[in-house]
Amino acid sequence: MNTLTVGDKAPLFSLLDENENTVNLNDFIGKKRVLVYFYPKAMTPGCTTQAQNLRDAKTALDDHNTVVFGISPDEPKRLAKFCQRDELNFTLLSDVDHKVADEFGVWGLKKFMGREYDGIHRISFLIGLDGNIEHVFNKFKTKDHHQVVLDVLAQLG
């Protein structure tokens, strides 16, 4: 796993959202900061907490000209259920073949309850207006993720 770092060019991607519409990262470069957060599976406890807090922080994120994309290997139909169930107000993207996760360097070996498997590591990237990685969030609790992001945005101005 070779995770992108600050200053790296963000890989341009096109993925289906929860409504099966194609979303292109390139459409946002030069217009908004983009928070790309990778999460393992829709509607699981940690992922739900993280998503709900980002939902509730939308106004503050908008104030920082930042759009949020949550990326997981879930199919668009599952993402649509997640959005509806939790009234999410940002875009979820489907990376079923984990190609984008590989490009960002967040797909790799994980250990859980003594079992090893490949999966998404919960890492987020703040992409600047220039398309480069401005900040990598890799040490946070799901319940604090939104605040850690907002604190960094406040520092960056």
N, C-alpha and C. Protein backbone atom coordinates (compact mmCIF):
# COMPACT_ATOMS: atom_id res chain seq x y z
N MET A 1 0.85 -1.18 0.00
CA MET A 1 0.00 0.00 0.00
C MET A 1 0.89 1.24 0.00
N ASN A 2 0.76 2.06 -1.02
CA ASN A 2 1.57 3.26 -1.17
C ASN A 2 0.64 4.47 -1.16
N THR A 3 0.31 4.97 0.04
CA THR A 3 -0.67 6.03 0.21
C THR A 3 -0.12 7.37 -0.29
N LEU A 4 -0.96 8.11 -1.00
CA LEU A 4 -0.58 9.44 -1.46
C LEU A 4 -0.26 10.34 -0.27
N THR A 5 0.59 11.33 -0.51
CA THR A 5 0.99 12.25 0.55
C THR A 5 0.75 13.69 0.10
N VAL A 6 0.90 14.62 1.02
CA VAL A 6 0.71 16.04 0.74
C VAL A 6 1.62 16.45 -0.41
N GLY A 7 1.04 17.19 -1.37
CA GLY A 7 1.78 17.65 -2.53
C GLY A 7 1.61 16.77 -3.75
N ASP A 8 1.20 15.50 -3.55
CA ASP A 8 0.95 14.62 -4.69
C ASP A 8 -0.24 15.10 -5.49
N LYS A 9 -0.20 14.85 -6.78
CA LYS A 9 -1.34 15.15 -7.66
C LYS A 9 -2.43 14.11 -7.38
N ALA A 10 -3.65 14.55 -7.14
CA ALA A 10 -4.75 13.61 -6.90
C ALA A 10 -5.09 12.90 -8.20
N PRO A 11 -5.27 11.59 -8.16
CA PRO A 11 -5.68 10.87 -9.36
C PRO A 11 -7.07 11.33 -9.80
N LEU A 12 -7.20 11.65 -11.07
CA LEU A 12 -8.51 12.05 -11.59
C LEU A 12 -9.34 10.79 -11.76
N PHE A 13 -10.54 10.82 -11.23
CA PHE A 13 -11.39 9.63 -11.30
C PHE A 13 -12.78 9.98 -11.78
N SER A 14 -13.46 8.96 -12.28
CA SER A 14 -14.88 9.02 -12.64
C SER A 14 -15.53 7.80 -12.02
N LEU A 15 -16.51 8.03 -11.16
CA LEU A 15 -17.20 6.93 -10.48
C LEU A 15 -18.70 7.19 -10.50
N LEU A 16 -19.47 6.12 -10.35
CA LEU A 16 -20.91 6.25 -10.24
C LEU A 16 -21.29 6.66 -8.82
N ASP A 17 -22.24 7.58 -8.71
CA ASP A 17 -22.74 7.97 -7.39
C ASP A 17 -23.92 7.08 -6.99
N GLU A 18 -24.55 7.45 -5.89
CA GLU A 18 -25.66 6.67 -5.35
C GLU A 18 -26.86 6.62 -6.29
N ASN A 19 -26.92 7.55 -7.25
CA ASN A 19 -28.02 7.58 -8.23
C ASN A 19 -27.58 7.05 -9.59
N GLU A 20 -26.42 6.44 -9.62
CA GLU A 20 -25.83 5.88 -10.84
C GLU A 20 -25.50 6.94 -11.89
N ASN A 21 -25.23 8.17 -11.43
CA ASN A 21 -24.72 9.23 -12.29
C ASN A 21 -23.20 9.25 -12.17
N THR A 22 -22.52 9.56 -13.26
CA THR A 22 -21.06 9.63 -13.23
C THR A 22 -20.60 10.95 -12.63
N VAL A 23 -19.69 10.86 -11.68
CA VAL A 23 -19.08 12.03 -11.05
C VAL A 23 -17.61 12.03 -11.41
N ASN A 24 -17.14 13.16 -11.94
CA ASN A 24 -15.74 13.31 -12.34
C ASN A 24 -15.05 14.29 -11.41
N LEU A 25 -13.96 13.87 -10.79
CA LEU A 25 -13.21 14.77 -9.92
C LEU A 25 -12.78 16.02 -10.69
N ASN A 26 -12.41 15.86 -11.94
CA ASN A 26 -11.92 16.97 -12.75
C ASN A 26 -12.92 18.13 -12.83
N ASP A 27 -14.22 17.84 -12.68
CA ASP A 27 -15.24 18.89 -12.73
C ASP A 27 -15.15 19.85 -11.54
N PHE A 28 -14.42 19.46 -10.49
CA PHE A 28 -14.35 20.28 -9.27
C PHE A 28 -13.00 20.98 -9.10
N ILE A 29 -11.98 20.49 -9.81
CA ILE A 29 -10.65 21.09 -9.70
C ILE A 29 -10.73 22.54 -10.18
N GLY A 30 -10.15 23.44 -9.38
CA GLY A 30 -10.16 24.86 -9.71
C GLY A 30 -11.40 25.59 -9.23
N LYS A 31 -12.39 24.83 -8.74
CA LYS A 31 -13.64 25.44 -8.29
C LYS A 31 -13.87 25.27 -6.79
N LYS A 32 -13.55 24.09 -6.28
CA LYS A 32 -13.79 23.78 -4.86
C LYS A 32 -12.67 22.91 -4.34
N ARG A 33 -12.48 22.96 -3.03
CA ARG A 33 -11.68 21.92 -2.38
C ARG A 33 -12.55 20.68 -2.35
N VAL A 34 -11.91 19.52 -2.37
CA VAL A 34 -12.64 18.27 -2.34
C VAL A 34 -12.11 17.41 -1.20
N LEU A 35 -13.01 17.00 -0.32
CA LEU A 35 -12.66 16.03 0.71
C LEU A 35 -13.09 14.66 0.18
N VAL A 36 -12.11 13.82 -0.09
CA VAL A 36 -12.37 12.45 -0.52
C VAL A 36 -12.12 11.57 0.69
N TYR A 37 -13.19 10.96 1.20
CA TYR A 37 -12.97 10.08 2.34
C TYR A 37 -13.34 8.66 1.97
N PHE A 38 -12.42 7.76 2.25
CA PHE A 38 -12.61 6.34 1.95
C PHE A 38 -13.11 5.66 3.21
N TYR A 39 -14.13 4.83 3.05
CA TYR A 39 -14.69 4.10 4.19
C TYR A 39 -14.99 2.67 3.74
N PRO A 40 -14.94 1.71 4.67
CA PRO A 40 -15.04 0.29 4.30
C PRO A 40 -16.40 -0.18 3.79
N LYS A 41 -17.50 0.21 4.46
CA LYS A 41 -18.78 -0.37 4.07
C LYS A 41 -19.94 0.51 4.55
N ALA A 42 -20.85 0.79 3.64
CA ALA A 42 -22.02 1.61 3.96
C ALA A 42 -22.88 0.94 5.03
N MET A 43 -23.44 1.76 5.88
CA MET A 43 -24.42 1.38 6.90
C MET A 43 -23.85 0.51 8.02
N THR A 44 -22.55 0.52 8.21
CA THR A 44 -21.95 -0.13 9.37
C THR A 44 -21.77 0.95 10.44
N PRO A 45 -21.62 0.57 11.70
CA PRO A 45 -21.62 1.57 12.78
C PRO A 45 -20.62 2.71 12.63
N GLY A 46 -19.34 2.41 12.43
CA GLY A 46 -18.34 3.46 12.32
C GLY A 46 -18.55 4.34 11.09
N CYS A 47 -18.90 3.71 9.99
CA CYS A 47 -19.12 4.45 8.75
C CYS A 47 -20.36 5.34 8.86
N THR A 48 -21.36 4.87 9.57
CA THR A 48 -22.58 5.66 9.78
C THR A 48 -22.27 6.89 10.63
N THR A 49 -21.53 6.72 11.71
CA THR A 49 -21.16 7.84 12.58
C THR A 49 -20.38 8.88 11.80
N GLN A 50 -19.41 8.42 11.02
CA GLN A 50 -18.59 9.33 10.23
C GLN A 50 -19.45 10.11 9.23
N ALA A 51 -20.33 9.42 8.53
CA ALA A 51 -21.18 10.06 7.52
C ALA A 51 -22.17 11.04 8.15
N GLN A 52 -22.79 10.66 9.26
CA GLN A 52 -23.76 11.55 9.91
C GLN A 52 -23.09 12.84 10.38
N ASN A 53 -21.89 12.74 10.90
CA ASN A 53 -21.19 13.94 11.37
C ASN A 53 -20.77 14.84 10.21
N LEU A 54 -20.38 14.25 9.09
CA LEU A 54 -20.09 15.06 7.91
C LEU A 54 -21.36 15.72 7.39
N ARG A 55 -22.45 14.98 7.43
CA ARG A 55 -23.76 15.54 7.04
C ARG A 55 -24.06 16.77 7.89
N ASP A 56 -23.89 16.63 9.19
CA ASP A 56 -24.23 17.72 10.11
C ASP A 56 -23.26 18.90 10.00
N ALA A 57 -22.09 18.67 9.42
CA ALA A 57 -21.09 19.73 9.28
C ALA A 57 -21.14 20.39 7.90
N LYS A 58 -22.16 20.09 7.11
CA LYS A 58 -22.21 20.56 5.72
C LYS A 58 -22.10 22.08 5.61
N THR A 59 -22.81 22.81 6.44
CA THR A 59 -22.76 24.27 6.34
C THR A 59 -21.35 24.79 6.56
N ALA A 60 -20.67 24.25 7.56
CA ALA A 60 -19.29 24.66 7.84
C ALA A 60 -18.36 24.27 6.69
N LEU A 61 -18.57 23.09 6.12
CA LEU A 61 -17.76 22.67 4.97
C LEU A 61 -18.03 23.58 3.76
N ASP A 62 -19.29 23.93 3.55
CA ASP A 62 -19.64 24.86 2.47
C ASP A 62 -18.95 26.21 2.67
N ASP A 63 -18.88 26.66 3.92
CA ASP A 63 -18.22 27.93 4.23
C ASP A 63 -16.75 27.90 3.84
N HIS A 64 -16.16 26.71 3.80
CA HIS A 64 -14.76 26.54 3.39
C HIS A 64 -14.64 26.12 1.93
N ASN A 65 -15.74 26.27 1.18
CA ASN A 65 -15.76 25.93 -0.25
C ASN A 65 -15.28 24.50 -0.50
N THR A 66 -15.80 23.57 0.33
CA THR A 66 -15.37 22.17 0.27
C THR A 66 -16.54 21.26 0.02
N VAL A 67 -16.39 20.41 -1.01
CA VAL A 67 -17.39 19.39 -1.33
C VAL A 67 -16.87 18.04 -0.82
N VAL A 68 -17.80 17.17 -0.41
CA VAL A 68 -17.43 15.87 0.18
C VAL A 68 -17.84 14.74 -0.75
N PHE A 69 -16.90 13.80 -0.95
CA PHE A 69 -17.17 12.55 -1.65
C PHE A 69 -16.76 11.41 -0.75
N GLY A 70 -17.72 10.56 -0.39
CA GLY A 70 -17.42 9.34 0.34
C GLY A 70 -17.28 8.19 -0.65
N ILE A 71 -16.18 7.46 -0.57
CA ILE A 71 -15.92 6.37 -1.53
C ILE A 71 -15.80 5.05 -0.79
N SER A 72 -16.54 4.05 -1.28
CA SER A 72 -16.47 2.69 -0.72
C SER A 72 -16.64 1.70 -1.86
N PRO A 73 -16.38 0.42 -1.60
CA PRO A 73 -16.58 -0.59 -2.65
C PRO A 73 -18.03 -1.05 -2.78
N ASP A 74 -18.96 -0.35 -2.16
CA ASP A 74 -20.38 -0.71 -2.24
C ASP A 74 -20.96 -0.39 -3.61
N GLU A 75 -21.97 -1.16 -4.00
CA GLU A 75 -22.73 -0.90 -5.23
C GLU A 75 -23.57 0.37 -5.04
N PRO A 76 -23.90 1.08 -6.14
CA PRO A 76 -24.72 2.29 -6.03
C PRO A 76 -26.04 2.08 -5.29
N LYS A 77 -26.70 0.93 -5.46
CA LYS A 77 -27.98 0.70 -4.78
C LYS A 77 -27.82 0.73 -3.26
N ARG A 78 -26.74 0.14 -2.75
CA ARG A 78 -26.51 0.17 -1.31
C ARG A 78 -26.20 1.60 -0.86
N LEU A 79 -25.47 2.33 -1.67
CA LEU A 79 -25.17 3.73 -1.34
C LEU A 79 -26.44 4.56 -1.30
N ALA A 80 -27.36 4.29 -2.23
CA ALA A 80 -28.64 5.02 -2.25
C ALA A 80 -29.42 4.76 -0.97
N LYS A 81 -29.42 3.51 -0.50
CA LYS A 81 -30.11 3.19 0.76
C LYS A 81 -29.48 3.93 1.92
N PHE A 82 -28.14 3.98 1.94
CA PHE A 82 -27.40 4.67 3.00
C PHE A 82 -27.75 6.15 2.99
N CYS A 83 -27.75 6.77 1.81
CA CYS A 83 -28.08 8.20 1.70
C CYS A 83 -29.50 8.47 2.19
N GLN A 84 -30.41 7.62 1.77
CA GLN A 84 -31.82 7.82 2.15
C GLN A 84 -32.02 7.58 3.65
N ARG A 85 -31.50 6.48 4.15
CA ARG A 85 -31.69 6.12 5.55
C ARG A 85 -31.15 7.20 6.49
N ASP A 86 -29.97 7.75 6.14
CA ASP A 86 -29.31 8.70 7.04
C ASP A 86 -29.41 10.14 6.57
N GLU A 87 -30.25 10.38 5.54
CA GLU A 87 -30.47 11.72 5.02
C GLU A 87 -29.15 12.44 4.74
N LEU A 88 -28.26 11.74 4.05
CA LEU A 88 -26.95 12.31 3.75
C LEU A 88 -27.09 13.39 2.68
N ASN A 89 -26.34 14.45 2.84
CA ASN A 89 -26.43 15.62 1.97
C ASN A 89 -25.14 15.83 1.17
N PHE A 90 -24.42 14.75 0.93
CA PHE A 90 -23.22 14.79 0.11
C PHE A 90 -23.20 13.52 -0.73
N THR A 91 -22.26 13.45 -1.65
CA THR A 91 -22.23 12.39 -2.64
C THR A 91 -21.42 11.18 -2.16
N LEU A 92 -22.02 10.00 -2.35
CA LEU A 92 -21.30 8.75 -2.12
C LEU A 92 -20.97 8.14 -3.47
N LEU A 93 -19.77 7.60 -3.60
CA LEU A 93 -19.30 7.05 -4.86
C LEU A 93 -18.96 5.58 -4.71
N SER A 94 -19.27 4.83 -5.77
CA SER A 94 -19.08 3.39 -5.79
C SER A 94 -17.77 3.03 -6.50
N ASP A 95 -16.88 2.38 -5.76
CA ASP A 95 -15.58 1.95 -6.28
C ASP A 95 -15.50 0.43 -6.13
N VAL A 96 -16.42 -0.27 -6.80
CA VAL A 96 -16.58 -1.72 -6.63
C VAL A 96 -15.29 -2.48 -6.89
N ASP A 97 -14.56 -2.08 -7.92
CA ASP A 97 -13.32 -2.81 -8.25
C ASP A 97 -12.10 -2.24 -7.51
N HIS A 98 -12.33 -1.32 -6.59
CA HIS A 98 -11.34 -0.62 -5.76
C HIS A 98 -10.18 -0.02 -6.56
N LYS A 99 -10.45 0.34 -7.80
CA LYS A 99 -9.42 0.95 -8.65
C LYS A 99 -8.98 2.32 -8.10
N VAL A 100 -9.96 3.14 -7.71
CA VAL A 100 -9.63 4.47 -7.18
C VAL A 100 -8.95 4.34 -5.81
N ALA A 101 -9.43 3.41 -5.00
CA ALA A 101 -8.78 3.16 -3.70
C ALA A 101 -7.31 2.76 -3.91
N ASP A 102 -7.05 1.94 -4.93
CA ASP A 102 -5.67 1.56 -5.25
C ASP A 102 -4.85 2.79 -5.65
N GLU A 103 -5.43 3.66 -6.49
CA GLU A 103 -4.72 4.85 -6.96
C GLU A 103 -4.36 5.79 -5.81
N PHE A 104 -5.23 5.89 -4.81
CA PHE A 104 -4.96 6.75 -3.66
C PHE A 104 -4.10 6.02 -2.62
N GLY A 105 -3.94 4.71 -2.79
CA GLY A 105 -3.10 3.93 -1.88
C GLY A 105 -3.78 3.59 -0.57
N VAL A 106 -5.10 3.35 -0.62
CA VAL A 106 -5.83 3.04 0.62
C VAL A 106 -6.38 1.61 0.62
N TRP A 107 -6.09 0.84 -0.43
CA TRP A 107 -6.53 -0.56 -0.48
C TRP A 107 -5.35 -1.42 -0.10
N GLY A 108 -5.54 -2.27 0.90
CA GLY A 108 -4.44 -3.12 1.30
C GLY A 108 -4.82 -4.08 2.40
N LEU A 109 -3.82 -4.76 2.92
CA LEU A 109 -4.02 -5.78 3.95
C LEU A 109 -4.55 -5.16 5.24
N LYS A 110 -5.58 -5.79 5.78
CA LYS A 110 -6.17 -5.37 7.04
C LYS A 110 -6.24 -6.58 7.96
N LYS A 111 -6.29 -6.31 9.25
CA LYS A 111 -6.46 -7.38 10.23
C LYS A 111 -7.64 -7.04 11.12
N PHE A 112 -8.50 -8.02 11.33
CA PHE A 112 -9.66 -7.83 12.20
C PHE A 112 -9.98 -9.16 12.86
N MET A 113 -9.98 -9.15 14.16
CA MET A 113 -10.30 -10.33 14.96
C MET A 113 -9.48 -11.55 14.52
N GLY A 114 -8.19 -11.32 14.32
CA GLY A 114 -7.29 -12.41 13.97
C GLY A 114 -7.32 -12.83 12.51
N ARG A 115 -8.16 -12.19 11.72
CA ARG A 115 -8.29 -12.55 10.31
C ARG A 115 -7.61 -11.48 9.45
N GLU A 116 -6.93 -11.89 8.40
CA GLU A 116 -6.31 -10.96 7.47
C GLU A 116 -7.06 -10.97 6.16
N TYR A 117 -7.25 -9.79 5.57
CA TYR A 117 -7.96 -9.67 4.30
C TYR A 117 -7.61 -8.33 3.67
N ASP A 118 -7.86 -8.21 2.37
CA ASP A 118 -7.67 -6.94 1.69
C ASP A 118 -8.93 -6.10 1.79
N GLY A 119 -8.75 -4.81 2.02
CA GLY A 119 -9.89 -3.92 2.12
C GLY A 119 -9.46 -2.47 2.15
N ILE A 120 -10.43 -1.59 2.29
CA ILE A 120 -10.18 -0.14 2.32
C ILE A 120 -9.74 0.28 3.72
N HIS A 121 -8.69 1.06 3.75
CA HIS A 121 -8.25 1.69 5.00
C HIS A 121 -8.95 3.04 5.10
N ARG A 122 -9.41 3.37 6.29
CA ARG A 122 -10.18 4.60 6.51
C ARG A 122 -9.22 5.80 6.52
N ILE A 123 -9.02 6.35 5.34
CA ILE A 123 -8.12 7.49 5.16
C ILE A 123 -8.86 8.52 4.30
N SER A 124 -8.65 9.80 4.61
CA SER A 124 -9.28 10.88 3.85
C SER A 124 -8.22 11.80 3.28
N PHE A 125 -8.58 12.44 2.17
CA PHE A 125 -7.66 13.34 1.49
C PHE A 125 -8.37 14.65 1.20
N LEU A 126 -7.70 15.75 1.52
CA LEU A 126 -8.21 17.06 1.15
C LEU A 126 -7.47 17.49 -0.11
N ILE A 127 -8.22 17.67 -1.18
CA ILE A 127 -7.64 18.05 -2.47
C ILE A 127 -7.87 19.54 -2.67
N GLY A 128 -6.79 20.25 -2.93
CA GLY A 128 -6.86 21.69 -3.12
C GLY A 128 -7.38 22.08 -4.49
N LEU A 129 -7.57 23.37 -4.67
CA LEU A 129 -8.08 23.90 -5.93
C LEU A 129 -7.17 23.54 -7.10
N ASP A 130 -5.88 23.35 -6.82
CA ASP A 130 -4.91 23.01 -7.87
C ASP A 130 -4.88 21.52 -8.21
N GLY A 131 -5.68 20.72 -7.50
CA GLY A 131 -5.72 19.29 -7.78
C GLY A 131 -4.69 18.48 -7.03
N ASN A 132 -3.94 19.13 -6.16
CA ASN A 132 -2.94 18.43 -5.35
C ASN A 132 -3.48 18.12 -3.96
N ILE A 133 -2.93 17.09 -3.34
CA ILE A 133 -3.32 16.72 -1.97
C ILE A 133 -2.81 17.80 -1.02
N GLU A 134 -3.75 18.41 -0.28
CA GLU A 134 -3.39 19.45 0.69
C GLU A 134 -3.18 18.87 2.09
N HIS A 135 -3.93 17.80 2.39
CA HIS A 135 -3.82 17.19 3.72
C HIS A 135 -4.29 15.74 3.63
N VAL A 136 -3.64 14.89 4.40
CA VAL A 136 -4.04 13.48 4.51
C VAL A 136 -4.48 13.25 5.95
N PHE A 137 -5.69 12.72 6.10
CA PHE A 137 -6.24 12.41 7.43
C PHE A 137 -6.18 10.90 7.60
N ASN A 138 -5.27 10.43 8.45
CA ASN A 138 -5.15 8.99 8.64
C ASN A 138 -5.13 8.58 10.10
N LYS A 139 -5.24 9.54 10.99
CA LYS A 139 -5.30 9.22 12.42
C LYS A 139 -6.45 10.02 13.03
N PHE A 140 -7.59 9.37 13.14
CA PHE A 140 -8.77 10.01 13.72
C PHE A 140 -9.76 8.93 14.13
N LYS A 141 -10.66 9.30 15.00
CA LYS A 141 -11.78 8.44 15.35
C LYS A 141 -12.95 8.85 14.46
N THR A 142 -13.79 7.89 14.09
CA THR A 142 -14.90 8.22 13.18
C THR A 142 -15.78 9.33 13.75
N LYS A 143 -15.95 9.36 15.06
CA LYS A 143 -16.83 10.37 15.65
C LYS A 143 -16.20 11.77 15.62
N ASP A 144 -14.88 11.86 15.43
CA ASP A 144 -14.18 13.14 15.42
C ASP A 144 -13.73 13.59 14.03
N HIS A 145 -13.90 12.74 13.04
CA HIS A 145 -13.37 13.00 11.70
C HIS A 145 -13.79 14.38 11.17
N HIS A 146 -15.07 14.70 11.26
CA HIS A 146 -15.56 15.98 10.73
C HIS A 146 -14.85 17.16 11.39
N GLN A 147 -14.63 17.08 12.70
CA GLN A 147 -14.00 18.20 13.41
C GLN A 147 -12.53 18.32 13.06
N VAL A 148 -11.86 17.21 12.89
CA VAL A 148 -10.46 17.24 12.47
C VAL A 148 -10.34 17.91 11.10
N VAL A 149 -11.26 17.57 10.20
CA VAL A 149 -11.28 18.18 8.87
C VAL A 149 -11.53 19.68 8.97
N LEU A 150 -12.53 20.07 9.74
CA LEU A 150 -12.86 21.50 9.90
C LEU A 150 -11.69 22.28 10.52
N ASP A 151 -10.99 21.68 11.46
CA ASP A 151 -9.83 22.34 12.09
C ASP A 151 -8.74 22.59 11.05
N VAL A 152 -8.48 21.61 10.20
CA VAL A 152 -7.46 21.79 9.16
C VAL A 152 -7.90 22.84 8.15
N LEU A 153 -9.17 22.81 7.75
CA LEU A 153 -9.68 23.83 6.82
C LEU A 153 -9.54 25.23 7.40
N ALA A 154 -9.79 25.37 8.70
CA ALA A 154 -9.66 26.68 9.36
C ALA A 154 -8.21 27.15 9.33
N GLN A 155 -7.28 26.22 9.52
CA GLN A 155 -5.84 26.57 9.49
C GLN A 155 -5.40 26.96 8.08
N LEU A 156 -5.94 26.27 7.06
CA LEU A 156 -5.54 26.55 5.69
C LEU A 156 -6.13 27.86 5.17
N GLY A 157 -7.25 28.25 5.77
CA GLY A 157 -7.89 29.51 5.38
C GLY A 157 -8.69 29.44 4.12
